[in-house]
Amino acid sequence: MLPKIRDYRRLGRTGALVSDIGSGVPYSESVLRAVIDSGVNFIETSETYDNGRNEILIGNVTRNTDREKLFITTKINTTLGLADSPDDIVRRAEESLRRLDTHYIDLYMMHQAQSIVRVADRNFHRACDRLEKDGRIKFRGLSCHGTFWWQEQGGTIEEILMAAIEDGRYDVLFFPYNFLDPEMGERVLEACKSNDVGTMIMKSNPVNVFENYENIIKRGEKLGLFEQKDYERKRVQLEKARDFFRKYQMTDINELKKGAYQFILSNRNVGTICCRFRNFTDIEMYVGLSGTNLDRLTSTMLNDFRENLGSFNCRIGCNKCEQSCPQHLPVNTIMRY
């Protein structure tokens, strides 16, 4: 039997009570049905995910559920002239409504705001004003992975998020936060709490990079040419990682992954973590963490990992690497992928 959600949190001024573990980008209808049955009521997607087909997937599942018990959010990309007018944004919102097979969207978000200037996008806000008045959307929000420094040199991720809070029109923010680099996220979370802005968390698990090579090798498969070169460069760090796992008597990385999520769940300023449920095992993993907190031993383990192995991971959104590049190469975005 799959576990059930044990904690629902108020999503800022929206007043909605959402599951502390939310669904981000569902992978199949059967898995999403099981996710909803487990008590997850927060579902996140975007018009761009799988070229709109992810919204269709969600609509196929949710049309047979009690819509009022779900909180559905989707996003629109307004960057680089992709949204030319309020009319264009309203049209695309209506297309999302059609694909989602719903009469309203709980939260309509600006996807990947890249600069402080983008926060005040008049087209987006005018469109949202119309959509809210017509009852087509309930709330508006903004997501941010950090500035695309080579396109719009308009502040760090923290500056963009703080500008969105100060703007006053955003009900919910969606941003990275994890135990490897928590200071920025905690400042934003505290500012959100003070302004009654809801919070959604992404990039919550920064340790997956250690799994990739180990799983390939355990399966007895050969590394590709580029994988082999990368593996050779990182061999010393991977050996340090193995020593770390032995120190804490971990047979696999799952205990570390669970700790990464519990670190976030222990912060009551967090509304929901958007987790990608690829299969039923993911439901057992993520929903099983609902309502749990970080214990002292796991906290010590995470601190140890951060101090000794933290340099293995990119701090998404800090933009220091991009600001240092005279050609404004998109280093941050390259590292994300």
C-alpha atoms as a PDB file:
ATOM      1  CA  MET A   1       0.000   0.000   0.000  1.00  0.00           C
ATOM      2  CA  LEU A   2       1.348   3.423  -0.953  1.00  0.00           C
ATOM      3  CA  PRO A   3       1.924   6.023   1.801  1.00  0.00           C
ATOM      4  CA  LYS A   4      -0.357   9.030   2.340  1.00  0.00           C
ATOM      5  CA  ILE A   5       0.338  12.753   2.666  1.00  0.00           C
ATOM      6  CA  ARG A   6       0.502  13.722   6.335  1.00  0.00           C
ATOM      7  CA  ASP A   7       1.015  17.488   6.157  1.00  0.00           C
ATOM      8  CA  TYR A   8      -0.847  20.263   4.334  1.00  0.00           C
ATOM      9  CA  ARG A   9       0.502  23.805   4.436  1.00  0.00           C
ATOM     10  CA  ARG A  10      -1.036  27.208   3.775  1.00  0.00           C
ATOM     11  CA  LEU A  11       0.251  28.583   0.453  1.00  0.00           C
ATOM     12  CA  GLY A  12       0.676  32.206   1.439  1.00  0.00           C
ATOM     13  CA  ARG A  13      -2.122  34.667   0.711  1.00  0.00           C
ATOM     14  CA  THR A  14      -3.827  32.187  -1.617  1.00  0.00           C
ATOM     15  CA  GLY A  15      -5.160  30.576   1.557  1.00  0.00           C
ATOM     16  CA  ALA A  16      -4.992  27.166  -0.123  1.00  0.00           C
ATOM     17  CA  LEU A  17      -3.884  24.184   1.952  1.00  0.00           C
ATOM     18  CA  VAL A  18      -1.497  22.225  -0.257  1.00  0.00           C
ATOM     19  CA  SER A  19       0.364  18.970   0.300  1.00  0.00           C
ATOM     20  CA  ASP A  20       3.922  19.514   1.521  1.00  0.00           C
ATOM     21  CA  ILE A  21       4.984  17.136  -1.258  1.00  0.00           C
ATOM     22  CA  GLY A  22       3.691  18.340  -4.626  1.00  0.00           C
ATOM     23  CA  SER A  23       3.739  16.865  -8.116  1.00  0.00           C
ATOM     24  CA  GLY A  24       6.058  18.467 -10.651  1.00  0.00           C
ATOM     25  CA  VAL A  25       5.863  17.357 -14.307  1.00  0.00           C
ATOM     26  CA  PRO A  26       3.964  14.031 -14.006  1.00  0.00           C
ATOM     27  CA  TYR A  27       5.322  11.279 -16.264  1.00  0.00           C
ATOM     28  CA  SER A  28       2.273   9.047 -16.783  1.00  0.00           C
ATOM     29  CA  GLU A  29      -1.462   9.019 -16.176  1.00  0.00           C
ATOM     30  CA  SER A  30      -1.369   5.893 -14.007  1.00  0.00           C
ATOM     31  CA  VAL A  31       1.360   7.322 -11.769  1.00  0.00           C
ATOM     32  CA  LEU A  32      -0.430  10.678 -11.477  1.00  0.00           C
ATOM     33  CA  ARG A  33      -3.674   8.932 -10.464  1.00  0.00           C
ATOM     34  CA  ALA A  34      -1.793   7.091  -7.727  1.00  0.00           C
ATOM     35  CA  VAL A  35      -0.100  10.334  -6.667  1.00  0.00           C
ATOM     36  CA  ILE A  36      -3.495  12.039  -6.265  1.00  0.00           C
ATOM     37  CA  ASP A  37      -4.882   8.987  -4.441  1.00  0.00           C
ATOM     38  CA  SER A  38      -1.981   9.306  -1.999  1.00  0.00           C
ATOM     39  CA  GLY A  39      -3.228  12.773  -1.023  1.00  0.00           C
ATOM     40  CA  VAL A  40      -1.023  14.981  -3.203  1.00  0.00           C
ATOM     41  CA  ASN A  41      -3.241  17.894  -4.232  1.00  0.00           C
ATOM     42  CA  PHE A  42      -0.641  20.249  -5.750  1.00  0.00           C
ATOM     43  CA  ILE A  43       0.159  19.678  -9.439  1.00  0.00           C
ATOM     44  CA  GLU A  44       2.650  21.801 -11.395  1.00  0.00           C
ATOM     45  CA  THR A  45       3.270  21.895 -15.146  1.00  0.00           C
ATOM     46  CA  SER A  46       3.930  24.317 -18.027  1.00  0.00           C
ATOM     47  CA  GLU A  47       2.709  24.988 -21.544  1.00  0.00           C
ATOM     48  CA  THR A  48       6.218  24.092 -22.757  1.00  0.00           C
ATOM     49  CA  TYR A  49       6.556  20.701 -21.041  1.00  0.00           C
ATOM     50  CA  ASP A  50       6.427  18.047 -23.742  1.00  0.00           C
ATOM     51  CA  ASN A  51       5.114  20.733 -26.070  1.00  0.00           C
ATOM     52  CA  GLY A  52       1.814  21.002 -24.184  1.00  0.00           C
ATOM     53  CA  ARG A  53       1.227  17.272 -23.917  1.00  0.00           C
ATOM     54  CA  ASN A  54       1.985  17.305 -20.194  1.00  0.00           C
ATOM     55  CA  GLU A  55      -1.011  19.580 -19.651  1.00  0.00           C
ATOM     56  CA  ILE A  56      -3.122  17.126 -21.690  1.00  0.00           C
ATOM     57  CA  LEU A  57      -1.894  14.241 -19.515  1.00  0.00           C
ATOM     58  CA  ILE A  58      -2.970  16.111 -16.389  1.00  0.00           C
ATOM     59  CA  GLY A  59      -6.349  16.980 -17.903  1.00  0.00           C
ATOM     60  CA  ASN A  60      -6.995  13.332 -18.788  1.00  0.00           C
ATOM     61  CA  VAL A  61      -6.555  12.399 -15.122  1.00  0.00           C
ATOM     62  CA  THR A  62      -8.096  15.343 -13.277  1.00  0.00           C
ATOM     63  CA  ARG A  63     -11.312  15.582 -15.302  1.00  0.00           C
ATOM     64  CA  ASN A  64     -12.596  12.622 -13.284  1.00  0.00           C
ATOM     65  CA  THR A  65     -11.597  14.004  -9.889  1.00  0.00           C
ATOM     66  CA  ASP A  66     -13.086  16.602  -7.534  1.00  0.00           C
ATOM     67  CA  ARG A  67     -11.529  19.709  -9.079  1.00  0.00           C
ATOM     68  CA  GLU A  68     -12.007  21.816  -5.951  1.00  0.00           C
ATOM     69  CA  LYS A  69      -9.705  19.487  -4.020  1.00  0.00           C
ATOM     70  CA  LEU A  70      -6.789  20.069  -6.426  1.00  0.00           C
ATOM     71  CA  PHE A  71      -4.464  23.047  -6.821  1.00  0.00           C
ATOM     72  CA  ILE A  72      -3.202  23.155 -10.423  1.00  0.00           C
ATOM     73  CA  THR A  73      -0.515  25.531 -11.625  1.00  0.00           C
ATOM     74  CA  THR A  74       0.874  26.035 -15.110  1.00  0.00           C
ATOM     75  CA  LYS A  75       3.399  28.466 -16.538  1.00  0.00           C
ATOM     76  CA  ILE A  76       3.908  30.655 -19.612  1.00  0.00           C
ATOM     77  CA  ASN A  77       7.272  31.618 -21.077  1.00  0.00           C
ATOM     78  CA  THR A  78       7.271  35.362 -21.775  1.00  0.00           C
ATOM     79  CA  THR A  79      10.960  35.791 -22.607  1.00  0.00           C
ATOM     80  CA  LEU A  80      12.561  36.881 -25.881  1.00  0.00           C
ATOM     81  CA  GLY A  81       9.397  38.197 -27.488  1.00  0.00           C
ATOM     82  CA  LEU A  82       7.490  34.948 -26.991  1.00  0.00           C
ATOM     83  CA  ALA A  83       4.517  36.917 -25.629  1.00  0.00           C
ATOM     84  CA  ASP A  84       3.913  40.015 -27.724  1.00  0.00           C
ATOM     85  CA  SER A  85       0.782  41.393 -26.058  1.00  0.00           C
ATOM     86  CA  PRO A  86      -1.774  40.809 -23.294  1.00  0.00           C
ATOM     87  CA  ASP A  87      -4.070  39.324 -25.949  1.00  0.00           C
ATOM     88  CA  ASP A  88      -1.398  36.778 -26.862  1.00  0.00           C
ATOM     89  CA  ILE A  89      -0.952  35.740 -23.216  1.00  0.00           C
ATOM     90  CA  VAL A  90      -4.728  35.454 -22.707  1.00  0.00           C
ATOM     91  CA  ARG A  91      -4.950  33.285 -25.827  1.00  0.00           C
ATOM     92  CA  ARG A  92      -2.199  30.994 -24.585  1.00  0.00           C
ATOM     93  CA  ALA A  93      -3.777  30.771 -21.131  1.00  0.00           C
ATOM     94  CA  GLU A  94      -7.011  29.678 -22.802  1.00  0.00           C
ATOM     95  CA  GLU A  95      -5.061  27.020 -24.720  1.00  0.00           C
ATOM     96  CA  SER A  96      -3.638  25.760 -21.404  1.00  0.00           C
ATOM     97  CA  LEU A  97      -7.172  25.689 -19.965  1.00  0.00           C
ATOM     98  CA  ARG A  98      -8.327  23.628 -22.929  1.00  0.00           C
ATOM     99  CA  ARG A  99      -5.433  21.160 -22.654  1.00  0.00           C
ATOM    100  CA  LEU A 100      -5.909  20.872 -18.883  1.00  0.00           C
ATOM    101  CA  ASP A 101      -9.652  20.363 -19.477  1.00  0.00           C
ATOM    102  CA  THR A 102     -10.563  22.711 -16.631  1.00  0.00           C
ATOM    103  CA  HIS A 103     -12.608  25.887 -16.230  1.00  0.00           C
ATOM    104  CA  TYR A 104      -9.930  27.659 -14.213  1.00  0.00           C
ATOM    105  CA  ILE A 105      -6.235  27.519 -13.318  1.00  0.00           C
ATOM    106  CA  ASP A 106      -5.419  27.975  -9.645  1.00  0.00           C
ATOM    107  CA  LEU A 107      -2.008  29.531 -10.257  1.00  0.00           C
ATOM    108  CA  TYR A 108      -0.735  31.022 -13.533  1.00  0.00           C
ATOM    109  CA  MET A 109       2.991  31.698 -13.497  1.00  0.00           C
ATOM    110  CA  MET A 110       5.609  33.588 -15.452  1.00  0.00           C
ATOM    111  CA  HIS A 111       8.109  30.874 -16.385  1.00  0.00           C
ATOM    112  CA  GLN A 112      11.820  31.534 -15.795  1.00  0.00           C
ATOM    113  CA  ALA A 113      11.858  35.263 -15.114  1.00  0.00           C
ATOM    114  CA  GLN A 114      15.349  36.247 -16.218  1.00  0.00           C
ATOM    115  CA  SER A 115      15.751  39.792 -14.936  1.00  0.00           C
ATOM    116  CA  ILE A 116      14.389  42.362 -12.533  1.00  0.00           C
ATOM    117  CA  VAL A 117      12.858  44.175 -15.520  1.00  0.00           C
ATOM    118  CA  ARG A 118      10.952  41.008 -16.458  1.00  0.00           C
ATOM    119  CA  VAL A 119       9.235  40.997 -13.045  1.00  0.00           C
ATOM    120  CA  ALA A 120       7.178  44.055 -14.014  1.00  0.00           C
ATOM    121  CA  ASP A 121       6.244  42.750 -17.501  1.00  0.00           C
ATOM    122  CA  ARG A 122       3.156  44.835 -18.371  1.00  0.00           C
ATOM    123  CA  ASN A 123       1.830  42.329 -20.872  1.00  0.00           C
ATOM    124  CA  PHE A 124       1.847  39.534 -18.299  1.00  0.00           C
ATOM    125  CA  HIS A 125       0.191  41.577 -15.565  1.00  0.00           C
ATOM    126  CA  ARG A 126      -2.452  43.089 -17.830  1.00  0.00           C
ATOM    127  CA  ALA A 127      -3.314  39.632 -19.128  1.00  0.00           C
ATOM    128  CA  CYS A 128      -3.498  38.249 -15.582  1.00  0.00           C
ATOM    129  CA  ASP A 129      -5.758  41.120 -14.536  1.00  0.00           C
ATOM    130  CA  ARG A 130      -8.195  40.125 -17.291  1.00  0.00           C
ATOM    131  CA  LEU A 131      -7.922  36.407 -16.592  1.00  0.00           C
ATOM    132  CA  GLU A 132      -8.506  36.907 -12.866  1.00  0.00           C
ATOM    133  CA  LYS A 133     -11.501  39.177 -13.503  1.00  0.00           C
ATOM    134  CA  ASP A 134     -13.024  36.533 -15.790  1.00  0.00           C
ATOM    135  CA  GLY A 135     -12.392  33.763 -13.253  1.00  0.00           C
ATOM    136  CA  ARG A 136     -10.032  31.920 -15.601  1.00  0.00           C
ATOM    137  CA  ILE A 137      -7.141  32.071 -13.125  1.00  0.00           C
ATOM    138  CA  LYS A 138      -7.207  32.575  -9.357  1.00  0.00           C
ATOM    139  CA  PHE A 139      -3.644  33.675  -8.608  1.00  0.00           C
ATOM    140  CA  ARG A 140      -0.440  34.673 -10.373  1.00  0.00           C
ATOM    141  CA  GLY A 141       3.130  33.630  -9.680  1.00  0.00           C
ATOM    142  CA  LEU A 142       6.722  33.676 -10.928  1.00  0.00           C
ATOM    143  CA  SER A 143       9.422  31.022 -11.289  1.00  0.00           C
ATOM    144  CA  CYS A 144      13.132  31.768 -11.457  1.00  0.00           C
ATOM    145  CA  HIS A 145      16.196  29.609 -12.110  1.00  0.00           C
ATOM    146  CA  GLY A 146      18.482  32.645 -12.212  1.00  0.00           C
ATOM    147  CA  THR A 147      19.202  35.274 -14.826  1.00  0.00           C
ATOM    148  CA  PHE A 148      20.175  34.294 -18.375  1.00  0.00           C
ATOM    149  CA  TRP A 149      23.209  36.527 -18.118  1.00  0.00           C
ATOM    150  CA  TRP A 150      24.036  36.536 -21.835  1.00  0.00           C
ATOM    151  CA  GLN A 151      20.522  37.765 -22.705  1.00  0.00           C
ATOM    152  CA  GLU A 152      19.306  39.983 -19.883  1.00  0.00           C
ATOM    153  CA  GLN A 153      21.913  41.158 -17.397  1.00  0.00           C
ATOM    154  CA  GLY A 154      19.386  42.064 -14.755  1.00  0.00           C
ATOM    155  CA  GLY A 155      20.370  40.851 -11.306  1.00  0.00           C
ATOM    156  CA  THR A 156      21.007  37.643  -9.403  1.00  0.00           C
ATOM    157  CA  ILE A 157      18.292  35.111  -8.656  1.00  0.00           C
ATOM    158  CA  GLU A 158      17.916  36.594  -5.172  1.00  0.00           C
ATOM    159  CA  GLU A 159      17.537  40.124  -6.551  1.00  0.00           C
ATOM    160  CA  ILE A 160      14.912  38.958  -9.053  1.00  0.00           C
ATOM    161  CA  LEU A 161      12.909  37.119  -6.382  1.00  0.00           C
ATOM    162  CA  MET A 162      13.121  40.010  -3.930  1.00  0.00           C
ATOM    163  CA  ALA A 163      11.943  42.364  -6.683  1.00  0.00           C
ATOM    164  CA  ALA A 164       8.964  40.066  -7.287  1.00  0.00           C
ATOM    165  CA  ILE A 165       8.079  40.170  -3.581  1.00  0.00           C
ATOM    166  CA  GLU A 166       8.382  43.961  -3.520  1.00  0.00           C
ATOM    167  CA  ASP A 167       6.263  44.228  -6.679  1.00  0.00           C
ATOM    168  CA  GLY A 168       3.334  42.978  -4.631  1.00  0.00           C
ATOM    169  CA  ARG A 169       1.349  41.364  -7.449  1.00  0.00           C
ATOM    170  CA  TYR A 170       2.790  37.859  -7.175  1.00  0.00           C
ATOM    171  CA  ASP A 171       0.977  35.448  -4.875  1.00  0.00           C
ATOM    172  CA  VAL A 172       3.467  32.555  -5.148  1.00  0.00           C
ATOM    173  CA  LEU A 173       7.180  32.191  -6.041  1.00  0.00           C
ATOM    174  CA  PHE A 174       8.929  29.060  -7.375  1.00  0.00           C
ATOM    175  CA  PHE A 175      12.698  28.843  -6.862  1.00  0.00           C
ATOM    176  CA  PRO A 176      15.687  26.590  -5.988  1.00  0.00           C
ATOM    177  CA  TYR A 177      16.468  25.769  -2.358  1.00  0.00           C
ATOM    178  CA  ASN A 178      18.560  22.945  -0.925  1.00  0.00           C
ATOM    179  CA  PHE A 179      20.982  22.100   1.861  1.00  0.00           C
ATOM    180  CA  LEU A 180      24.142  22.744  -0.183  1.00  0.00           C
ATOM    181  CA  ASP A 181      23.599  26.495  -0.494  1.00  0.00           C
ATOM    182  CA  PRO A 182      20.692  27.390   1.784  1.00  0.00           C
ATOM    183  CA  GLU A 183      21.455  30.982   2.764  1.00  0.00           C
ATOM    184  CA  MET A 184      19.935  32.692  -0.276  1.00  0.00           C
ATOM    185  CA  GLY A 185      16.847  30.505  -0.218  1.00  0.00           C
ATOM    186  CA  GLU A 186      16.290  31.117   3.482  1.00  0.00           C
ATOM    187  CA  ARG A 187      16.445  34.890   3.019  1.00  0.00           C
ATOM    188  CA  VAL A 188      13.865  34.662   0.224  1.00  0.00           C
ATOM    189  CA  LEU A 189      11.668  32.299   2.242  1.00  0.00           C
ATOM    190  CA  GLU A 190      11.691  34.672   5.205  1.00  0.00           C
ATOM    191  CA  ALA A 191      10.799  37.626   2.947  1.00  0.00           C
ATOM    192  CA  CYS A 192       7.967  35.581   1.447  1.00  0.00           C
ATOM    193  CA  LYS A 193       6.633  34.802   4.907  1.00  0.00           C
ATOM    194  CA  SER A 194       6.741  38.470   5.902  1.00  0.00           C
ATOM    195  CA  ASN A 195       4.762  39.402   2.782  1.00  0.00           C
ATOM    196  CA  ASP A 196       2.418  36.381   2.886  1.00  0.00           C
ATOM    197  CA  VAL A 197       3.719  35.078  -0.460  1.00  0.00           C
ATOM    198  CA  GLY A 198       3.418  31.322  -1.065  1.00  0.00           C
ATOM    199  CA  THR A 199       6.505  29.265  -1.882  1.00  0.00           C
ATOM    200  CA  MET A 200       7.219  26.324  -4.193  1.00  0.00           C
ATOM    201  CA  ILE A 201      10.644  24.658  -4.116  1.00  0.00           C
ATOM    202  CA  MET A 202      12.627  23.153  -6.995  1.00  0.00           C
ATOM    203  CA  LYS A 203      16.200  21.807  -7.305  1.00  0.00           C
ATOM    204  CA  SER A 204      15.700  20.270  -3.873  1.00  0.00           C
ATOM    205  CA  ASN A 205      17.919  17.215  -4.356  1.00  0.00           C
ATOM    206  CA  PRO A 206      21.504  18.180  -5.302  1.00  0.00           C
ATOM    207  CA  VAL A 207      23.067  14.729  -4.815  1.00  0.00           C
ATOM    208  CA  ASN A 208      21.829  12.798  -7.857  1.00  0.00           C
ATOM    209  CA  VAL A 209      25.086  13.413  -9.713  1.00  0.00           C
ATOM    210  CA  PHE A 210      26.748  10.725  -7.573  1.00  0.00           C
ATOM    211  CA  GLU A 211      24.273   8.080  -8.647  1.00  0.00           C
ATOM    212  CA  ASN A 212      24.739   8.265 -12.387  1.00  0.00           C
ATOM    213  CA  TYR A 213      28.177   6.706 -12.797  1.00  0.00           C
ATOM    214  CA  GLU A 214      27.767   4.291  -9.919  1.00  0.00           C
ATOM    215  CA  ASN A 215      24.550   2.865 -11.376  1.00  0.00           C
ATOM    216  CA  ILE A 216      26.120   2.419 -14.810  1.00  0.00           C
ATOM    217  CA  ILE A 217      29.111   0.606 -13.347  1.00  0.00           C
ATOM    218  CA  LYS A 218      26.961  -1.593 -11.060  1.00  0.00           C
ATOM    219  CA  ARG A 219      24.916  -2.679 -14.068  1.00  0.00           C
ATOM    220  CA  GLY A 220      28.139  -3.815 -15.736  1.00  0.00           C
ATOM    221  CA  GLU A 221      27.720  -1.359 -18.606  1.00  0.00           C
ATOM    222  CA  LYS A 222      30.562   0.461 -20.299  1.00  0.00           C
ATOM    223  CA  LEU A 223      30.900   4.204 -20.074  1.00  0.00           C
ATOM    224  CA  GLY A 224      30.783   6.165 -23.316  1.00  0.00           C
ATOM    225  CA  LEU A 225      33.800   8.138 -24.536  1.00  0.00           C
ATOM    226  CA  PHE A 226      32.772  11.427 -22.929  1.00  0.00           C
ATOM    227  CA  GLU A 227      31.407   9.694 -19.825  1.00  0.00           C
ATOM    228  CA  GLN A 228      34.715   7.904 -19.364  1.00  0.00           C
ATOM    229  CA  LYS A 229      36.682  11.156 -19.620  1.00  0.00           C
ATOM    230  CA  ASP A 230      34.362  12.845 -17.135  1.00  0.00           C
ATOM    231  CA  TYR A 231      34.547   9.841 -14.822  1.00  0.00           C
ATOM    232  CA  GLU A 232      38.356   9.945 -14.873  1.00  0.00           C
ATOM    233  CA  ARG A 233      38.316  13.651 -13.956  1.00  0.00           C
ATOM    234  CA  LYS A 234      35.934  13.000 -11.063  1.00  0.00           C
ATOM    235  CA  ARG A 235      37.407   9.713  -9.863  1.00  0.00           C
ATOM    236  CA  VAL A 236      39.015  11.246  -6.756  1.00  0.00           C
ATOM    237  CA  GLN A 237      35.750  12.921  -5.753  1.00  0.00           C
ATOM    238  CA  LEU A 238      33.795   9.732  -6.378  1.00  0.00           C
ATOM    239  CA  GLU A 239      36.223   7.831  -4.145  1.00  0.00           C
ATOM    240  CA  LYS A 240      35.698  10.464  -1.453  1.00  0.00           C
ATOM    241  CA  ALA A 241      31.951   9.971  -1.880  1.00  0.00           C
ATOM    242  CA  ARG A 242      32.319   6.207  -1.362  1.00  0.00           C
ATOM    243  CA  ASP A 243      34.338   6.872   1.814  1.00  0.00           C
ATOM    244  CA  PHE A 244      31.556   9.203   2.949  1.00  0.00           C
ATOM    245  CA  PHE A 245      28.898   6.521   2.412  1.00  0.00           C
ATOM    246  CA  ARG A 246      30.985   3.951   4.280  1.00  0.00           C
ATOM    247  CA  LYS A 247      31.476   6.389   7.174  1.00  0.00           C
ATOM    248  CA  TYR A 248      27.722   6.671   7.632  1.00  0.00           C
ATOM    249  CA  GLN A 249      27.133   2.987   6.838  1.00  0.00           C
ATOM    250  CA  MET A 250      24.957   3.790   3.830  1.00  0.00           C
ATOM    251  CA  THR A 251      24.431   1.003   1.331  1.00  0.00           C
ATOM    252  CA  ASP A 252      22.947   3.442  -1.195  1.00  0.00           C
ATOM    253  CA  ILE A 253      22.361   7.138  -1.629  1.00  0.00           C
ATOM    254  CA  ASN A 254      18.695   7.096  -0.612  1.00  0.00           C
ATOM    255  CA  GLU A 255      19.363   8.096   3.003  1.00  0.00           C
ATOM    256  CA  LEU A 256      21.219  11.160   1.776  1.00  0.00           C
ATOM    257  CA  LYS A 257      18.421  11.967  -0.683  1.00  0.00           C
ATOM    258  CA  LYS A 258      15.793  11.645   2.046  1.00  0.00           C
ATOM    259  CA  GLY A 259      17.810  13.961   4.244  1.00  0.00           C
ATOM    260  CA  ALA A 260      17.955  16.530   1.435  1.00  0.00           C
ATOM    261  CA  TYR A 261      14.147  16.640   1.304  1.00  0.00           C
ATOM    262  CA  GLN A 262      13.735  16.579   5.091  1.00  0.00           C
ATOM    263  CA  PHE A 263      16.059  19.581   5.312  1.00  0.00           C
ATOM    264  CA  ILE A 264      13.515  21.528   3.233  1.00  0.00           C
ATOM    265  CA  LEU A 265      10.435  20.104   4.942  1.00  0.00           C
ATOM    266  CA  SER A 266      11.852  21.195   8.304  1.00  0.00           C
ATOM    267  CA  ASN A 267      11.578  24.828   7.176  1.00  0.00           C
ATOM    268  CA  ARG A 268       7.980  25.852   7.888  1.00  0.00           C
ATOM    269  CA  ASN A 269       8.314  28.807   5.484  1.00  0.00           C
ATOM    270  CA  VAL A 270       8.227  26.271   2.626  1.00  0.00           C
ATOM    271  CA  GLY A 271       4.815  25.680   1.072  1.00  0.00           C
ATOM    272  CA  THR A 272       5.442  22.632  -1.108  1.00  0.00           C
ATOM    273  CA  ILE A 273       8.309  20.774  -2.781  1.00  0.00           C
ATOM    274  CA  CYS A 274       7.683  19.936  -6.433  1.00  0.00           C
ATOM    275  CA  CYS A 275       8.853  16.332  -6.900  1.00  0.00           C
ATOM    276  CA  ARG A 276       8.991  14.452 -10.185  1.00  0.00           C
ATOM    277  CA  PHE A 277       7.069  11.198  -9.816  1.00  0.00           C
ATOM    278  CA  ARG A 278       8.443   8.971 -12.555  1.00  0.00           C
ATOM    279  CA  ASN A 279       7.130   5.699 -11.137  1.00  0.00           C
ATOM    280  CA  PHE A 280       5.438   4.082  -8.119  1.00  0.00           C
ATOM    281  CA  THR A 281       8.755   3.772  -6.291  1.00  0.00           C
ATOM    282  CA  ASP A 282       9.022   7.555  -6.377  1.00  0.00           C
ATOM    283  CA  ILE A 283       5.625   7.767  -4.673  1.00  0.00           C
ATOM    284  CA  GLU A 284       6.898   5.534  -1.856  1.00  0.00           C
ATOM    285  CA  MET A 285      10.016   7.682  -1.563  1.00  0.00           C
ATOM    286  CA  TYR A 286       8.591  11.215  -1.721  1.00  0.00           C
ATOM    287  CA  VAL A 287       5.128  10.827  -0.184  1.00  0.00           C
ATOM    288  CA  GLY A 288       6.716   8.704   2.540  1.00  0.00           C
ATOM    289  CA  LEU A 289       8.673  11.803   3.592  1.00  0.00           C
ATOM    290  CA  SER A 290       5.544  13.946   4.049  1.00  0.00           C
ATOM    291  CA  GLY A 291       5.276  15.371   7.542  1.00  0.00           C
ATOM    292  CA  THR A 292       8.804  14.319   8.555  1.00  0.00           C
ATOM    293  CA  ASN A 293      11.642  16.482   9.871  1.00  0.00           C
ATOM    294  CA  LEU A 294      15.407  16.401   9.874  1.00  0.00           C
ATOM    295  CA  ASP A 295      16.928  14.553  12.824  1.00  0.00           C
ATOM    296  CA  ARG A 296      20.259  15.402  14.435  1.00  0.00           C
ATOM    297  CA  LEU A 297      22.241  12.538  12.880  1.00  0.00           C
ATOM    298  CA  THR A 298      20.996  13.301   9.349  1.00  0.00           C
ATOM    299  CA  SER A 299      21.687  17.004   9.865  1.00  0.00           C
ATOM    300  CA  THR A 300      25.275  16.154  10.826  1.00  0.00           C
ATOM    301  CA  MET A 301      25.573  13.964   7.724  1.00  0.00           C
ATOM    302  CA  LEU A 302      24.329  16.760   5.439  1.00  0.00           C
ATOM    303  CA  ASN A 303      26.745  19.257   6.995  1.00  0.00           C
ATOM    304  CA  ASP A 304      29.598  16.784   6.508  1.00  0.00           C
ATOM    305  CA  PHE A 305      28.580  16.267   2.875  1.00  0.00           C
ATOM    306  CA  ARG A 306      28.403  20.016   2.247  1.00  0.00           C
ATOM    307  CA  GLU A 307      31.841  20.628   3.740  1.00  0.00           C
ATOM    308  CA  ASN A 308      33.688  17.766   2.044  1.00  0.00           C
ATOM    309  CA  LEU A 309      31.787  17.080  -1.185  1.00  0.00           C
ATOM    310  CA  GLY A 310      29.749  20.216  -1.766  1.00  0.00           C
ATOM    311  CA  SER A 311      32.137  21.597  -4.391  1.00  0.00           C
ATOM    312  CA  PHE A 312      31.006  18.769  -6.684  1.00  0.00           C
ATOM    313  CA  ASN A 313      27.734  20.573  -7.359  1.00  0.00           C
ATOM    314  CA  CYS A 314      26.918  23.846  -9.109  1.00  0.00           C
ATOM    315  CA  ARG A 315      25.031  26.430  -7.025  1.00  0.00           C
ATOM    316  CA  ILE A 316      22.210  27.034  -9.483  1.00  0.00           C
ATOM    317  CA  GLY A 317      21.400  30.692  -9.948  1.00  0.00           C
ATOM    318  CA  CYS A 318      24.272  32.411  -8.132  1.00  0.00           C
ATOM    319  CA  ASN A 319      25.532  33.700 -11.541  1.00  0.00           C
ATOM    320  CA  LYS A 320      29.061  34.350 -10.317  1.00  0.00           C
ATOM    321  CA  CYS A 321      30.531  32.285 -13.150  1.00  0.00           C
ATOM    322  CA  GLU A 322      28.550  34.173 -15.791  1.00  0.00           C
ATOM    323  CA  GLN A 323      29.393  37.578 -14.371  1.00  0.00           C
ATOM    324  CA  SER A 324      33.091  36.629 -14.529  1.00  0.00           C
ATOM    325  CA  CYS A 325      32.928  35.695 -18.217  1.00  0.00           C
ATOM    326  CA  PRO A 326      33.771  38.641 -20.536  1.00  0.00           C
ATOM    327  CA  GLN A 327      31.676  37.072 -23.319  1.00  0.00           C
ATOM    328  CA  HIS A 328      28.655  36.443 -21.036  1.00  0.00           C
ATOM    329  CA  LEU A 329      28.537  32.751 -21.887  1.00  0.00           C
ATOM    330  CA  PRO A 330      25.510  31.029 -20.278  1.00  0.00           C
ATOM    331  CA  VAL A 331      27.667  29.016 -17.869  1.00  0.00           C
ATOM    332  CA  ASN A 332      24.865  28.665 -15.317  1.00  0.00           C
ATOM    333  CA  THR A 333      22.441  27.271 -17.899  1.00  0.00           C
ATOM    334  CA  ILE A 334      25.078  24.922 -19.334  1.00  0.00           C
ATOM    335  CA  MET A 335      25.743  23.585 -15.832  1.00  0.00           C
ATOM    336  CA  ARG A 336      21.998  23.070 -15.272  1.00  0.00           C
ATOM    337  CA  TYR A 337      21.832  20.723 -18.250  1.00  0.00           C
END
